[in-house]
Amino acid sequence: MNVTTTITGTTARVTPYGEIDFDALPSLHAAVDRLPPLVTLLLWDLGHTPFTDVAGLRLVFGHAPESSPHRRTAVTRLHDQPLHLLLLAVDLFPAAYDISRLVPDTPAGLMGPRP
């Protein structure tokens, strides 16, 4: 899986290209592990991710590394299937999947249109 990372101030935008499944997780975790400690917002830009399975849920709802316990996570540009999976998980397990911490934290200007 190809992944690009752009850091602006204290925000890191991580953009995966392709489907997120168990096999894609190592490269995505590596991208997060390489982020400097000054990053306080991890923004998953899923505009190039047409499909994800439960691995995508684990990725965006996972705990922050011990080196950055105060890092928030947000998602942007969800395609229909990942959005449907997210909403289904929230509906079935609201205590485990709190969507309010993912979407409202997305900074203004970073929610651009899909290419």
PDB file of N, CA and C in Angstrom:
ATOM      1  N   MET A   1       0.841  -1.174   0.000  1.00  0.00           N
ATOM      2  CA  MET A   1       0.000   0.000   0.000  1.00  0.00           C
ATOM      3  C   MET A   1       0.885   1.235   0.000  1.00  0.00           C
ATOM      4  N   ASN A   2       0.528   2.189  -0.830  1.00  0.00           N
ATOM      5  CA  ASN A   2       1.212   3.481  -0.841  1.00  0.00           C
ATOM      6  C   ASN A   2       0.527   4.402   0.154  1.00  0.00           C
ATOM      7  N   VAL A   3       1.343   5.194   0.854  1.00  0.00           N
ATOM      8  CA  VAL A   3       0.847   6.115   1.868  1.00  0.00           C
ATOM      9  C   VAL A   3       1.647   7.401   1.751  1.00  0.00           C
ATOM     10  N   THR A   4       0.954   8.542   1.747  1.00  0.00           N
ATOM     11  CA  THR A   4       1.654   9.817   1.806  1.00  0.00           C
ATOM     12  C   THR A   4       1.293  10.497   3.120  1.00  0.00           C
ATOM     13  N   THR A   5       2.241  11.247   3.633  1.00  0.00           N
ATOM     14  CA  THR A   5       2.040  11.977   4.879  1.00  0.00           C
ATOM     15  C   THR A   5       2.456  13.419   4.662  1.00  0.00           C
ATOM     16  N   THR A   6       1.593  14.336   5.053  1.00  0.00           N
ATOM     17  CA  THR A   6       1.885  15.761   4.981  1.00  0.00           C
ATOM     18  C   THR A   6       1.695  16.335   6.377  1.00  0.00           C
ATOM     19  N   ILE A   7       2.700  17.050   6.846  1.00  0.00           N
ATOM     20  CA  ILE A   7       2.621  17.654   8.170  1.00  0.00           C
ATOM     21  C   ILE A   7       2.551  19.166   8.019  1.00  0.00           C
ATOM     22  N   THR A   8       1.522  19.748   8.609  1.00  0.00           N
ATOM     23  CA  THR A   8       1.332  21.193   8.620  1.00  0.00           C
ATOM     24  C   THR A   8       1.133  21.598  10.072  1.00  0.00           C
ATOM     25  N   GLY A   9       2.116  22.274  10.632  1.00  0.00           N
ATOM     26  CA  GLY A   9       2.045  22.644  12.046  1.00  0.00           C
ATOM     27  C   GLY A   9       2.014  21.403  12.909  1.00  0.00           C
ATOM     28  N   THR A  10       0.935  21.252  13.664  1.00  0.00           N
ATOM     29  CA  THR A  10       0.800  20.097  14.553  1.00  0.00           C
ATOM     30  C   THR A  10      -0.183  19.056  14.007  1.00  0.00           C
ATOM     31  N   THR A  11      -0.554  19.200  12.730  1.00  0.00           N
ATOM     32  CA  THR A  11      -1.477  18.262  12.089  1.00  0.00           C
ATOM     33  C   THR A  11      -0.744  17.423  11.052  1.00  0.00           C
ATOM     34  N   ALA A  12      -0.958  16.123  11.117  1.00  0.00           N
ATOM     35  CA  ALA A  12      -0.422  15.210  10.109  1.00  0.00           C
ATOM     36  C   ALA A  12      -1.582  14.635   9.326  1.00  0.00           C
ATOM     37  N   ARG A  13      -1.529  14.800   8.004  1.00  0.00           N
ATOM     38  CA  ARG A  13      -2.537  14.218   7.118  1.00  0.00           C
ATOM     39  C   ARG A  13      -1.903  12.980   6.497  1.00  0.00           C
ATOM     40  N   VAL A  14      -2.470  11.807   6.805  1.00  0.00           N
ATOM     41  CA  VAL A  14      -1.983  10.540   6.281  1.00  0.00           C
ATOM     42  C   VAL A  14      -3.000  10.054   5.260  1.00  0.00           C
ATOM     43  N   THR A  15      -2.531   9.845   4.028  1.00  0.00           N
ATOM     44  CA  THR A  15      -3.409   9.455   2.924  1.00  0.00           C
ATOM     45  C   THR A  15      -2.997   8.090   2.386  1.00  0.00           C
ATOM     46  N   PRO A  16      -3.773   7.052   2.670  1.00  0.00           N
ATOM     47  CA  PRO A  16      -3.508   5.742   2.075  1.00  0.00           C
ATOM     48  C   PRO A  16      -4.123   5.667   0.673  1.00  0.00           C
ATOM     49  N   TYR A  17      -3.483   4.902  -0.206  1.00  0.00           N
ATOM     50  CA  TYR A  17      -3.963   4.711  -1.574  1.00  0.00           C
ATOM     51  C   TYR A  17      -4.254   3.233  -1.755  1.00  0.00           C
ATOM     52  N   GLY A  18      -5.537   2.892  -1.783  1.00  0.00           N
ATOM     53  CA  GLY A  18      -5.943   1.504  -1.944  1.00  0.00           C
ATOM     54  C   GLY A  18      -6.835   1.068  -0.807  1.00  0.00           C
ATOM     55  N   GLU A  19      -7.129  -0.220  -0.790  1.00  0.00           N
ATOM     56  CA  GLU A  19      -8.033  -0.788   0.197  1.00  0.00           C
ATOM     57  C   GLU A  19      -7.315  -1.009   1.522  1.00  0.00           C
ATOM     58  N   ILE A  20      -8.030  -0.774   2.613  1.00  0.00           N
ATOM     59  CA  ILE A  20      -7.466  -1.025   3.941  1.00  0.00           C
ATOM     60  C   ILE A  20      -8.007  -2.348   4.447  1.00  0.00           C
ATOM     61  N   ASP A  21      -7.095  -3.283   4.616  1.00  0.00           N
ATOM     62  CA  ASP A  21      -7.404  -4.573   5.207  1.00  0.00           C
ATOM     63  C   ASP A  21      -6.221  -4.965   6.081  1.00  0.00           C
ATOM     64  N   PHE A  22      -6.244  -6.165   6.620  1.00  0.00           N
ATOM     65  CA  PHE A  22      -5.193  -6.600   7.534  1.00  0.00           C
ATOM     66  C   PHE A  22      -3.808  -6.490   6.900  1.00  0.00           C
ATOM     67  N   ASP A  23      -3.692  -6.813   5.619  1.00  0.00           N
ATOM     68  CA  ASP A  23      -2.386  -6.762   4.942  1.00  0.00           C
ATOM     69  C   ASP A  23      -1.854  -5.340   4.791  1.00  0.00           C
ATOM     70  N   ALA A  24      -2.727  -4.354   4.788  1.00  0.00           N
ATOM     71  CA  ALA A  24      -2.306  -2.958   4.634  1.00  0.00           C
ATOM     72  C   ALA A  24      -1.863  -2.325   5.951  1.00  0.00           C
ATOM     73  N   LEU A  25      -2.234  -2.931   7.066  1.00  0.00           N
ATOM     74  CA  LEU A  25      -1.964  -2.314   8.363  1.00  0.00           C
ATOM     75  C   LEU A  25      -0.492  -2.042   8.657  1.00  0.00           C
ATOM     76  N   PRO A  26       0.446  -2.937   8.336  1.00  0.00           N
ATOM     77  CA  PRO A  26       1.844  -2.633   8.669  1.00  0.00           C
ATOM     78  C   PRO A  26       2.350  -1.319   8.072  1.00  0.00           C
ATOM     79  N   SER A  27       2.036  -1.039   6.805  1.00  0.00           N
ATOM     80  CA  SER A  27       2.517   0.212   6.216  1.00  0.00           C
ATOM     81  C   SER A  27       1.800   1.425   6.816  1.00  0.00           C
ATOM     82  N   LEU A  28       0.546   1.266   7.197  1.00  0.00           N
ATOM     83  CA  LEU A  28      -0.188   2.368   7.818  1.00  0.00           C
ATOM     84  C   LEU A  28       0.312   2.636   9.237  1.00  0.00           C
ATOM     85  N   HIS A  29       0.563   1.570   9.993  1.00  0.00           N
ATOM     86  CA  HIS A  29       1.127   1.746  11.337  1.00  0.00           C
ATOM     87  C   HIS A  29       2.525   2.360  11.254  1.00  0.00           C
ATOM     88  N   ALA A  30       3.292   1.966  10.254  1.00  0.00           N
ATOM     89  CA  ALA A  30       4.637   2.531  10.089  1.00  0.00           C
ATOM     90  C   ALA A  30       4.569   4.024   9.813  1.00  0.00           C
ATOM     91  N   ALA A  31       3.600   4.449   9.019  1.00  0.00           N
ATOM     92  CA  ALA A  31       3.440   5.882   8.739  1.00  0.00           C
ATOM     93  C   ALA A  31       3.135   6.651  10.018  1.00  0.00           C
ATOM     94  N   VAL A  32       2.302   6.092  10.862  1.00  0.00           N
ATOM     95  CA  VAL A  32       1.956   6.749  12.126  1.00  0.00           C
ATOM     96  C   VAL A  32       3.161   6.735  13.075  1.00  0.00           C
ATOM     97  N   ASP A  33       3.876   5.634  13.110  1.00  0.00           N
ATOM     98  CA  ASP A  33       5.040   5.529  13.991  1.00  0.00           C
ATOM     99  C   ASP A  33       6.125   6.538  13.631  1.00  0.00           C
ATOM    100  N   ARG A  34       6.190   6.954  12.369  1.00  0.00           N
ATOM    101  CA  ARG A  34       7.206   7.912  11.929  1.00  0.00           C
ATOM    102  C   ARG A  34       6.843   9.366  12.236  1.00  0.00           C
ATOM    103  N   LEU A  35       5.624   9.614  12.704  1.00  0.00           N
ATOM    104  CA  LEU A  35       5.217  10.993  12.978  1.00  0.00           C
ATOM    105  C   LEU A  35       6.010  11.565  14.147  1.00  0.00           C
ATOM    106  N   PRO A  36       6.396  12.826  14.047  1.00  0.00           N
ATOM    107  CA  PRO A  36       7.119  13.445  15.163  1.00  0.00           C
ATOM    108  C   PRO A  36       6.183  13.679  16.354  1.00  0.00           C
ATOM    109  N   PRO A  37       6.753  13.758  17.552  1.00  0.00           N
ATOM    110  CA  PRO A  37       5.936  13.942  18.753  1.00  0.00           C
ATOM    111  C   PRO A  37       5.123  15.235  18.761  1.00  0.00           C
ATOM    112  N   LEU A  38       5.520  16.230  17.983  1.00  0.00           N
ATOM    113  CA  LEU A  38       4.782  17.504  17.985  1.00  0.00           C
ATOM    114  C   LEU A  38       3.416  17.396  17.322  1.00  0.00           C
ATOM    115  N   VAL A  39       3.140  16.315  16.614  1.00  0.00           N
ATOM    116  CA  VAL A  39       1.841  16.131  15.958  1.00  0.00           C
ATOM    117  C   VAL A  39       0.786  15.824  17.013  1.00  0.00           C
ATOM    118  N   THR A  40      -0.230  16.667  17.073  1.00  0.00           N
ATOM    119  CA  THR A  40      -1.319  16.473  18.038  1.00  0.00           C
ATOM    120  C   THR A  40      -2.633  16.067  17.370  1.00  0.00           C
ATOM    121  N   LEU A  41      -2.701  16.166  16.034  1.00  0.00           N
ATOM    122  CA  LEU A  41      -3.886  15.724  15.299  1.00  0.00           C
ATOM    123  C   LEU A  41      -3.450  14.852  14.136  1.00  0.00           C
ATOM    124  N   LEU A  42      -3.927  13.621  14.143  1.00  0.00           N
ATOM    125  CA  LEU A  42      -3.701  12.687  13.039  1.00  0.00           C
ATOM    126  C   LEU A  42      -4.972  12.663  12.209  1.00  0.00           C
ATOM    127  N   LEU A  43      -4.881  13.126  10.979  1.00  0.00           N
ATOM    128  CA  LEU A  43      -6.027  13.188  10.076  1.00  0.00           C
ATOM    129  C   LEU A  43      -5.870  12.113   9.007  1.00  0.00           C
ATOM    130  N   TRP A  44      -6.747  11.124   9.049  1.00  0.00           N
ATOM    131  CA  TRP A  44      -6.762  10.081   8.024  1.00  0.00           C
ATOM    132  C   TRP A  44      -7.581  10.592   6.849  1.00  0.00           C
ATOM    133  N   ASP A  45      -6.937  10.835   5.725  1.00  0.00           N
ATOM    134  CA  ASP A  45      -7.604  11.272   4.498  1.00  0.00           C
ATOM    135  C   ASP A  45      -7.906  10.019   3.688  1.00  0.00           C
ATOM    136  N   LEU A  46      -9.160   9.591   3.678  1.00  0.00           N
ATOM    137  CA  LEU A  46      -9.542   8.339   3.024  1.00  0.00           C
ATOM    138  C   LEU A  46     -10.154   8.552   1.645  1.00  0.00           C
ATOM    139  N   GLY A  47      -9.814   9.644   1.020  1.00  0.00           N
ATOM    140  CA  GLY A  47     -10.340   9.944  -0.305  1.00  0.00           C
ATOM    141  C   GLY A  47      -9.887   8.995  -1.396  1.00  0.00           C
ATOM    142  N   HIS A  48      -8.815   8.238  -1.152  1.00  0.00           N
ATOM    143  CA  HIS A  48      -8.313   7.271  -2.133  1.00  0.00           C
ATOM    144  C   HIS A  48      -8.468   5.845  -1.605  1.00  0.00           C
ATOM    145  N   THR A  49      -9.401   5.668  -0.669  1.00  0.00           N
ATOM    146  CA  THR A  49      -9.648   4.361  -0.049  1.00  0.00           C
ATOM    147  C   THR A  49     -11.106   3.987  -0.283  1.00  0.00           C
ATOM    148  N   PRO A  50     -11.379   3.248  -1.359  1.00  0.00           N
ATOM    149  CA  PRO A  50     -12.771   2.911  -1.665  1.00  0.00           C
ATOM    150  C   PRO A  50     -13.351   1.805  -0.785  1.00  0.00           C
ATOM    151  N   PHE A  51     -12.481   1.035  -0.116  1.00  0.00           N
ATOM    152  CA  PHE A  51     -12.952  -0.100   0.677  1.00  0.00           C
ATOM    153  C   PHE A  51     -12.094  -0.255   1.921  1.00  0.00           C
ATOM    154  N   THR A  52     -12.744  -0.609   3.015  1.00  0.00           N
ATOM    155  CA  THR A  52     -12.036  -1.024   4.217  1.00  0.00           C
ATOM    156  C   THR A  52     -12.867  -2.077   4.929  1.00  0.00           C
ATOM    157  N   ASP A  53     -12.153  -2.950   5.636  1.00  0.00           N
ATOM    158  CA  ASP A  53     -12.860  -3.902   6.483  1.00  0.00           C
ATOM    159  C   ASP A  53     -12.623  -3.489   7.925  1.00  0.00           C
ATOM    160  N   VAL A  54     -12.793  -4.392   8.849  1.00  0.00           N
ATOM    161  CA  VAL A  54     -12.654  -4.057  10.266  1.00  0.00           C
ATOM    162  C   VAL A  54     -11.264  -3.514  10.585  1.00  0.00           C
ATOM    163  N   ALA A  55     -10.269  -3.813   9.772  1.00  0.00           N
ATOM    164  CA  ALA A  55      -8.921  -3.272   9.979  1.00  0.00           C
ATOM    165  C   ALA A  55      -8.943  -1.743   9.940  1.00  0.00           C
ATOM    166  N   GLY A  56      -9.760  -1.167   9.088  1.00  0.00           N
ATOM    167  CA  GLY A  56      -9.873   0.288   9.018  1.00  0.00           C
ATOM    168  C   GLY A  56     -10.473   0.874  10.281  1.00  0.00           C
ATOM    169  N   LEU A  57     -11.445   0.163  10.859  1.00  0.00           N
ATOM    170  CA  LEU A  57     -12.026   0.618  12.122  1.00  0.00           C
ATOM    171  C   LEU A  57     -10.974   0.600  13.228  1.00  0.00           C
ATOM    172  N   ARG A  58     -10.215  -0.475  13.285  1.00  0.00           N
ATOM    173  CA  ARG A  58      -9.168  -0.581  14.300  1.00  0.00           C
ATOM    174  C   ARG A  58      -8.123   0.511  14.115  1.00  0.00           C
ATOM    175  N   LEU A  59      -7.863   0.843  12.874  1.00  0.00           N
ATOM    176  CA  LEU A  59      -6.861   1.863  12.581  1.00  0.00           C
ATOM    177  C   LEU A  59      -7.298   3.234  13.095  1.00  0.00           C
ATOM    178  N   VAL A  60      -8.500   3.658  12.752  1.00  0.00           N
ATOM    179  CA  VAL A  60      -8.930   5.013  13.126  1.00  0.00           C
ATOM    180  C   VAL A  60      -9.394   5.118  14.576  1.00  0.00           C
ATOM    181  N   PHE A  61      -9.781   4.001  15.187  1.00  0.00           N
ATOM    182  CA  PHE A  61     -10.193   4.037  16.579  1.00  0.00           C
ATOM    183  C   PHE A  61      -9.117   3.523  17.524  1.00  0.00           C
ATOM    184  N   GLY A  62      -7.947   3.182  16.985  1.00  0.00           N
ATOM    185  CA  GLY A  62      -6.872   2.657  17.814  1.00  0.00           C
ATOM    186  C   GLY A  62      -6.351   3.682  18.793  1.00  0.00           C
ATOM    187  N   HIS A  63      -5.687   3.196  19.795  1.00  0.00           N
ATOM    188  CA  HIS A  63      -5.110   4.077  20.806  1.00  0.00           C
ATOM    189  C   HIS A  63      -3.858   4.745  20.275  1.00  0.00           C
ATOM    190  N   ALA A  64      -3.591   5.929  20.759  1.00  0.00           N
ATOM    191  CA  ALA A  64      -2.389   6.667  20.377  1.00  0.00           C
ATOM    192  C   ALA A  64      -1.171   5.957  20.954  1.00  0.00           C
ATOM    193  N   PRO A  65      -0.051   5.997  20.238  1.00  0.00           N
ATOM    194  CA  PRO A  65       1.173   5.409  20.785  1.00  0.00           C
ATOM    195  C   PRO A  65       1.543   6.084  22.106  1.00  0.00           C
ATOM    196  N   GLU A  66       2.258   5.356  22.957  1.00  0.00           N
ATOM    197  CA  GLU A  66       2.650   5.905  24.255  1.00  0.00           C
ATOM    198  C   GLU A  66       3.478   7.173  24.108  1.00  0.00           C
ATOM    199  N   SER A  67       4.192   7.306  22.985  1.00  0.00           N
ATOM    200  CA  SER A  67       5.024   8.493  22.778  1.00  0.00           C
ATOM    201  C   SER A  67       4.189   9.745  22.505  1.00  0.00           C
ATOM    202  N   SER A  68       2.914   9.578  22.173  1.00  0.00           N
ATOM    203  CA  SER A  68       2.056  10.733  21.894  1.00  0.00           C
ATOM    204  C   SER A  68       0.644  10.490  22.429  1.00  0.00           C
ATOM    205  N   PRO A  69       0.489  10.433  23.746  1.00  0.00           N
ATOM    206  CA  PRO A  69      -0.817  10.089  24.317  1.00  0.00           C
ATOM    207  C   PRO A  69      -1.893  11.142  24.102  1.00  0.00           C
ATOM    208  N   HIS A  70      -1.506  12.357  23.731  1.00  0.00           N
ATOM    209  CA  HIS A  70      -2.492  13.423  23.571  1.00  0.00           C
ATOM    210  C   HIS A  70      -2.863  13.669  22.105  1.00  0.00           C
ATOM    211  N   ARG A  71      -2.540  12.745  21.241  1.00  0.00           N
ATOM    212  CA  ARG A  71      -2.844  12.903  19.818  1.00  0.00           C
ATOM    213  C   ARG A  71      -4.298  12.537  19.554  1.00  0.00           C
ATOM    214  N   ARG A  72      -5.030  13.448  18.894  1.00  0.00           N
ATOM    215  CA  ARG A  72      -6.403  13.188  18.477  1.00  0.00           C
ATOM    216  C   ARG A  72      -6.380  12.582  17.074  1.00  0.00           C
ATOM    217  N   THR A  73      -7.454  11.911  16.727  1.00  0.00           N
ATOM    218  CA  THR A  73      -7.584  11.298  15.411  1.00  0.00           C
ATOM    219  C   THR A  73      -8.881  11.773  14.779  1.00  0.00           C
ATOM    220  N   ALA A  74      -8.817  12.074  13.477  1.00  0.00           N
ATOM    221  CA  ALA A  74     -10.006  12.455  12.713  1.00  0.00           C
ATOM    222  C   ALA A  74      -9.926  11.789  11.348  1.00  0.00           C
ATOM    223  N   VAL A  75     -11.063  11.679  10.680  1.00  0.00           N
ATOM    224  CA  VAL A  75     -11.106  11.131   9.325  1.00  0.00           C
ATOM    225  C   VAL A  75     -11.788  12.136   8.412  1.00  0.00           C
ATOM    226  N   THR A  76     -11.439  12.084   7.148  1.00  0.00           N
ATOM    227  CA  THR A  76     -12.034  12.966   6.162  1.00  0.00           C
ATOM    228  C   THR A  76     -12.145  12.240   4.826  1.00  0.00           C
ATOM    229  N   ARG A  77     -13.049  12.720   3.985  1.00  0.00           N
ATOM    230  CA  ARG A  77     -13.248  12.246   2.610  1.00  0.00           C
ATOM    231  C   ARG A  77     -13.554  10.747   2.527  1.00  0.00           C
ATOM    232  N   LEU A  78     -14.456  10.289   3.377  1.00  0.00           N
ATOM    233  CA  LEU A  78     -14.858   8.887   3.365  1.00  0.00           C
ATOM    234  C   LEU A  78     -15.700   8.564   2.135  1.00  0.00           C
ATOM    235  N   HIS A  79     -15.374   7.470   1.466  1.00  0.00           N
ATOM    236  CA  HIS A  79     -16.218   6.950   0.390  1.00  0.00           C
ATOM    237  C   HIS A  79     -17.416   6.234   1.014  1.00  0.00           C
ATOM    238  N   ASP A  80     -18.369   5.854   0.188  1.00  0.00           N
ATOM    239  CA  ASP A  80     -19.609   5.256   0.677  1.00  0.00           C
ATOM    240  C   ASP A  80     -19.391   4.001   1.524  1.00  0.00           C
ATOM    241  N   GLN A  81     -18.586   3.048   1.046  1.00  0.00           N
ATOM    242  CA  GLN A  81     -18.427   1.788   1.778  1.00  0.00           C
ATOM    243  C   GLN A  81     -17.749   1.993   3.134  1.00  0.00           C
ATOM    244  N   PRO A  82     -16.614   2.712   3.212  1.00  0.00           N
ATOM    245  CA  PRO A  82     -16.032   2.935   4.547  1.00  0.00           C
ATOM    246  C   PRO A  82     -16.963   3.711   5.476  1.00  0.00           C
ATOM    247  N   LEU A  83     -17.711   4.669   4.932  1.00  0.00           N
ATOM    248  CA  LEU A  83     -18.658   5.423   5.749  1.00  0.00           C
ATOM    249  C   LEU A  83     -19.764   4.510   6.258  1.00  0.00           C
ATOM    250  N   HIS A  84     -20.283   3.648   5.392  1.00  0.00           N
ATOM    251  CA  HIS A  84     -21.334   2.713   5.795  1.00  0.00           C
ATOM    252  C   HIS A  84     -20.821   1.789   6.904  1.00  0.00           C
ATOM    253  N   LEU A  85     -19.605   1.263   6.751  1.00  0.00           N
ATOM    254  CA  LEU A  85     -19.026   0.392   7.773  1.00  0.00           C
ATOM    255  C   LEU A  85     -18.884   1.136   9.098  1.00  0.00           C
ATOM    256  N   LEU A  86     -18.408   2.358   9.044  1.00  0.00           N
ATOM    257  CA  LEU A  86     -18.242   3.173  10.247  1.00  0.00           C
ATOM    258  C   LEU A  86     -19.582   3.402  10.934  1.00  0.00           C
ATOM    259  N   LEU A  87     -20.589   3.784  10.171  1.00  0.00           N
ATOM    260  CA  LEU A  87     -21.915   4.044  10.749  1.00  0.00           C
ATOM    261  C   LEU A  87     -22.551   2.769  11.310  1.00  0.00           C
ATOM    262  N   LEU A  88     -22.322   1.648  10.648  1.00  0.00           N
ATOM    263  CA  LEU A  88     -22.832   0.368  11.144  1.00  0.00           C
ATOM    264  C   LEU A  88     -22.165   0.014  12.472  1.00  0.00           C
ATOM    265  N   ALA A  89     -20.859   0.194  12.553  1.00  0.00           N
ATOM    266  CA  ALA A  89     -20.141  -0.093  13.800  1.00  0.00           C
ATOM    267  C   ALA A  89     -20.627   0.808  14.929  1.00  0.00           C
ATOM    268  N   VAL A  90     -20.841   2.078  14.619  1.00  0.00           N
ATOM    269  CA  VAL A  90     -21.326   3.029  15.619  1.00  0.00           C
ATOM    270  C   VAL A  90     -22.725   2.628  16.096  1.00  0.00           C
ATOM    271  N   ASP A  91     -23.566   2.195  15.163  1.00  0.00           N
ATOM    272  CA  ASP A  91     -24.924   1.800  15.514  1.00  0.00           C
ATOM    273  C   ASP A  91     -24.937   0.543  16.382  1.00  0.00           C
ATOM    274  N   LEU A  92     -24.098  -0.438  16.038  1.00  0.00           N
ATOM    275  CA  LEU A  92     -24.075  -1.698  16.776  1.00  0.00           C
ATOM    276  C   LEU A  92     -23.320  -1.610  18.095  1.00  0.00           C
ATOM    277  N   PHE A  93     -22.253  -0.826  18.135  1.00  0.00           N
ATOM    278  CA  PHE A  93     -21.383  -0.752  19.308  1.00  0.00           C
ATOM    279  C   PHE A  93     -21.060   0.706  19.641  1.00  0.00           C
ATOM    280  N   PRO A  94     -22.053   1.499  20.054  1.00  0.00           N
ATOM    281  CA  PRO A  94     -21.819   2.926  20.265  1.00  0.00           C
ATOM    282  C   PRO A  94     -20.772   3.238  21.332  1.00  0.00           C
ATOM    283  N   ALA A  95     -20.647   2.395  22.334  1.00  0.00           N
ATOM    284  CA  ALA A  95     -19.650   2.663  23.385  1.00  0.00           C
ATOM    285  C   ALA A  95     -18.231   2.444  22.868  1.00  0.00           C
ATOM    286  N   ALA A  96     -18.061   1.516  21.945  1.00  0.00           N
ATOM    287  CA  ALA A  96     -16.723   1.201  21.418  1.00  0.00           C
ATOM    288  C   ALA A  96     -16.315   2.130  20.291  1.00  0.00           C
ATOM    289  N   TYR A  97     -17.285   2.588  19.502  1.00  0.00           N
ATOM    290  CA  TYR A  97     -16.982   3.403  18.330  1.00  0.00           C
ATOM    291  C   TYR A  97     -17.687   4.749  18.453  1.00  0.00           C
ATOM    292  N   ASP A  98     -17.015   5.699  19.045  1.00  0.00           N
ATOM    293  CA  ASP A  98     -17.566   7.032  19.262  1.00  0.00           C
ATOM    294  C   ASP A  98     -17.207   7.920  18.066  1.00  0.00           C
ATOM    295  N   ILE A  99     -18.139   8.055  17.137  1.00  0.00           N
ATOM    296  CA  ILE A  99     -17.887   8.820  15.911  1.00  0.00           C
ATOM    297  C   ILE A  99     -17.706  10.313  16.202  1.00  0.00           C
ATOM    298  N   SER A 100     -18.252  10.786  17.306  1.00  0.00           N
ATOM    299  CA  SER A 100     -18.155  12.220  17.599  1.00  0.00           C
ATOM    300  C   SER A 100     -16.714  12.666  17.791  1.00  0.00           C
ATOM    301  N   ARG A 101     -15.829  11.740  18.151  1.00  0.00           N
ATOM    302  CA  ARG A 101     -14.433  12.135  18.319  1.00  0.00           C
ATOM    303  C   ARG A 101     -13.660  12.084  17.008  1.00  0.00           C
ATOM    304  N   LEU A 102     -14.239  11.507  15.983  1.00  0.00           N
ATOM    305  CA  LEU A 102     -13.550  11.419  14.691  1.00  0.00           C
ATOM    306  C   LEU A 102     -13.895  12.554  13.747  1.00  0.00           C
ATOM    307  N   VAL A 103     -15.150  12.867  13.609  1.00  0.00           N
ATOM    308  CA  VAL A 103     -15.572  13.805  12.574  1.00  0.00           C
ATOM    309  C   VAL A 103     -15.534  15.271  13.012  1.00  0.00           C
ATOM    310  N   PRO A 104     -16.090  15.659  14.163  1.00  0.00           N
ATOM    311  CA  PRO A 104     -16.076  17.084  14.513  1.00  0.00           C
ATOM    312  C   PRO A 104     -14.678  17.661  14.718  1.00  0.00           C
ATOM    313  N   ASP A 105     -13.699  16.828  15.025  1.00  0.00           N
ATOM    314  CA  ASP A 105     -12.352  17.325  15.268  1.00  0.00           C
ATOM    315  C   ASP A 105     -11.595  17.654  13.983  1.00  0.00           C
ATOM    316  N   THR A 106     -12.178  17.385  12.836  1.00  0.00           N
ATOM    317  CA  THR A 106     -11.502  17.659  11.580  1.00  0.00           C
ATOM    318  C   THR A 106     -11.391  19.164  11.381  1.00  0.00           C
ATOM    319  N   PRO A 107     -10.163  19.688  11.256  1.00  0.00           N
ATOM    320  CA  PRO A 107      -9.999  21.136  11.113  1.00  0.00           C
ATOM    321  C   PRO A 107     -10.643  21.671   9.840  1.00  0.00           C
ATOM    322  N   ALA A 108     -11.165  22.877   9.905  1.00  0.00           N
ATOM    323  CA  ALA A 108     -11.755  23.531   8.736  1.00  0.00           C
ATOM    324  C   ALA A 108     -10.696  23.659   7.653  1.00  0.00           C
ATOM    325  N   GLY A 109     -11.087  23.481   6.415  1.00  0.00           N
ATOM    326  CA  GLY A 109     -10.152  23.610   5.304  1.00  0.00           C
ATOM    327  C   GLY A 109      -9.499  22.294   4.918  1.00  0.00           C
ATOM    328  N   LEU A 110      -9.571  21.280   5.783  1.00  0.00           N
ATOM    329  CA  LEU A 110      -8.974  20.000   5.459  1.00  0.00           C
ATOM    330  C   LEU A 110      -9.997  19.025   4.924  1.00  0.00           C
ATOM    331  N   MET A 111     -11.247  19.422   4.815  1.00  0.00           N
ATOM    332  CA  MET A 111     -12.313  18.546   4.345  1.00  0.00           C
ATOM    333  C   MET A 111     -12.587  18.798   2.857  1.00  0.00           C
ATOM    334  N   GLY A 112     -11.553  18.992   2.087  1.00  0.00           N
ATOM    335  CA  GLY A 112     -11.706  19.344   0.675  1.00  0.00           C
ATOM    336  C   GLY A 112     -12.460  18.307  -0.126  1.00  0.00           C
ATOM    337  N   PRO A 113     -12.888  18.655  -1.329  1.00  0.00           N
ATOM    338  CA  PRO A 113     -13.653  17.719  -2.167  1.00  0.00           C
ATOM    339  C   PRO A 113     -12.775  16.581  -2.645  1.00  0.00           C
ATOM    340  N   ARG A 114     -13.402  15.470  -2.946  1.00  0.00           N
ATOM    341  CA  ARG A 114     -12.670  14.321  -3.513  1.00  0.00           C
ATOM    342  C   ARG A 114     -12.198  14.681  -4.909  1.00  0.00           C
ATOM    343  N   PRO A 115     -10.995  14.201  -5.266  1.00  0.00           N
ATOM    344  CA  PRO A 115     -10.504  14.490  -6.629  1.00  0.00           C
ATOM    345  C   PRO A 115     -11.282  13.718  -7.669  1.00  0.00           C
TER     346      PRO A 115
END
